[in-house]
Amino acid sequence: MFELLVFVLFVWLFVKAIGLTFRVTWGLAKVIAVILFALAVPALFVCLLVIGGAAILIPVALVAAAFGILKACT
C-alpha cells in the first residue's frame, strides 16, 4: 500500500513539474519577444527616418522574430 501511495505521489509531482516547465517556457518566450520588440521598434523608426534602404531589414527581422516566438508558443 505504501508503494502505491509513493508511486501516485511521484506521478503527481511529475505532472506538476511538466506543467511548470510549460509555464516557464511560455513566460520566457514572452520575455524574449518583448525584448526583441522593444529593440526593433526604435530601430525601425531610426532606419525609416535616417538610413532607409537595406538597413530596414534588421528591425523588420527582429519584429518578425518576436511575433514568430509568440505564435510558436500559442
Protein backbone atom coordinates (compact mmCIF):
# COMPACT_ATOMS: atom_id res chain seq x y z
CA MET A 1 0.00 0.00 0.00
CA PHE A 2 2.85 2.38 0.84
CA GLU A 3 4.47 1.69 -2.54
CA LEU A 4 1.24 2.59 -4.32
CA LEU A 5 0.98 5.83 -2.35
CA VAL A 6 4.60 6.74 -3.16
CA PHE A 7 4.05 5.89 -6.84
CA VAL A 8 0.94 8.10 -7.03
CA LEU A 9 2.83 10.92 -5.31
CA PHE A 10 5.72 10.70 -7.79
CA VAL A 11 3.35 10.64 -10.77
CA TRP A 12 1.51 13.67 -9.41
CA LEU A 13 4.81 15.53 -8.88
CA PHE A 14 5.95 14.59 -12.38
CA VAL A 15 2.76 16.01 -13.92
CA LYS A 16 3.14 19.21 -11.87
CA ALA A 17 6.78 19.53 -12.99
CA ILE A 18 5.76 19.19 -16.66
CA GLY A 19 3.11 21.90 -16.17
CA LEU A 20 5.64 24.20 -14.51
CA THR A 21 8.06 23.61 -17.38
CA PHE A 22 5.45 24.71 -19.91
CA ARG A 23 4.60 27.82 -17.87
CA VAL A 24 8.27 28.80 -17.53
CA THR A 25 8.88 28.24 -21.24
CA TRP A 26 5.86 30.36 -22.20
CA GLY A 27 6.94 33.13 -19.82
CA LEU A 28 10.49 33.05 -21.18
CA ALA A 29 9.21 33.22 -24.76
CA LYS A 30 7.09 36.26 -23.89
CA VAL A 31 10.07 37.98 -22.24
CA ILE A 32 12.29 37.35 -25.28
CA ALA A 33 9.58 38.57 -27.64
CA VAL A 34 9.08 41.76 -25.62
CA ILE A 35 12.82 42.45 -25.61
CA LEU A 36 13.05 41.87 -29.36
CA PHE A 37 10.04 44.09 -29.96
CA ALA A 38 11.44 46.82 -27.68
CA LEU A 39 14.69 46.78 -29.63
CA ALA A 40 13.07 46.57 -33.03
CA VAL A 41 10.54 49.41 -32.86
CA PRO A 42 13.01 52.23 -32.12
CA ALA A 43 15.45 50.76 -34.62
CA LEU A 44 12.70 50.67 -37.23
CA PHE A 45 11.86 54.35 -36.71
CA VAL A 46 15.54 55.32 -36.87
CA CYS A 47 16.03 53.34 -40.06
CA LEU A 48 12.89 54.78 -41.63
CA LEU A 49 13.81 58.36 -40.82
CA VAL A 50 17.59 58.33 -41.25
CA ILE A 51 19.09 55.40 -43.07
CA GLY A 52 16.50 53.73 -45.26
CA GLY A 53 17.31 51.01 -47.74
CA ALA A 54 18.62 47.60 -46.74
CA ALA A 55 19.23 48.57 -43.09
CA ILE A 56 15.44 48.50 -42.58
CA LEU A 57 15.56 44.71 -42.85
CA ILE A 58 17.23 44.36 -39.42
CA PRO A 59 14.39 45.79 -37.26
CA VAL A 60 11.79 44.15 -39.51
CA ALA A 61 13.52 40.81 -38.89
CA LEU A 62 13.51 41.49 -35.13
CA VAL A 63 9.78 42.26 -35.16
CA ALA A 64 9.14 39.12 -37.23
CA ALA A 65 11.21 37.05 -34.79
CA ALA A 66 9.24 38.44 -31.83
CA PHE A 67 5.90 37.63 -33.44
CA GLY A 68 7.21 34.24 -34.56
CA ILE A 69 8.20 33.34 -30.99
CA LEU A 70 4.79 34.37 -29.69
CA LYS A 71 2.95 32.45 -32.44
CA ALA A 72 5.06 29.31 -31.94
CA CYS A 73 4.23 29.19 -28.24
CA THR A 74 0.47 29.53 -28.60
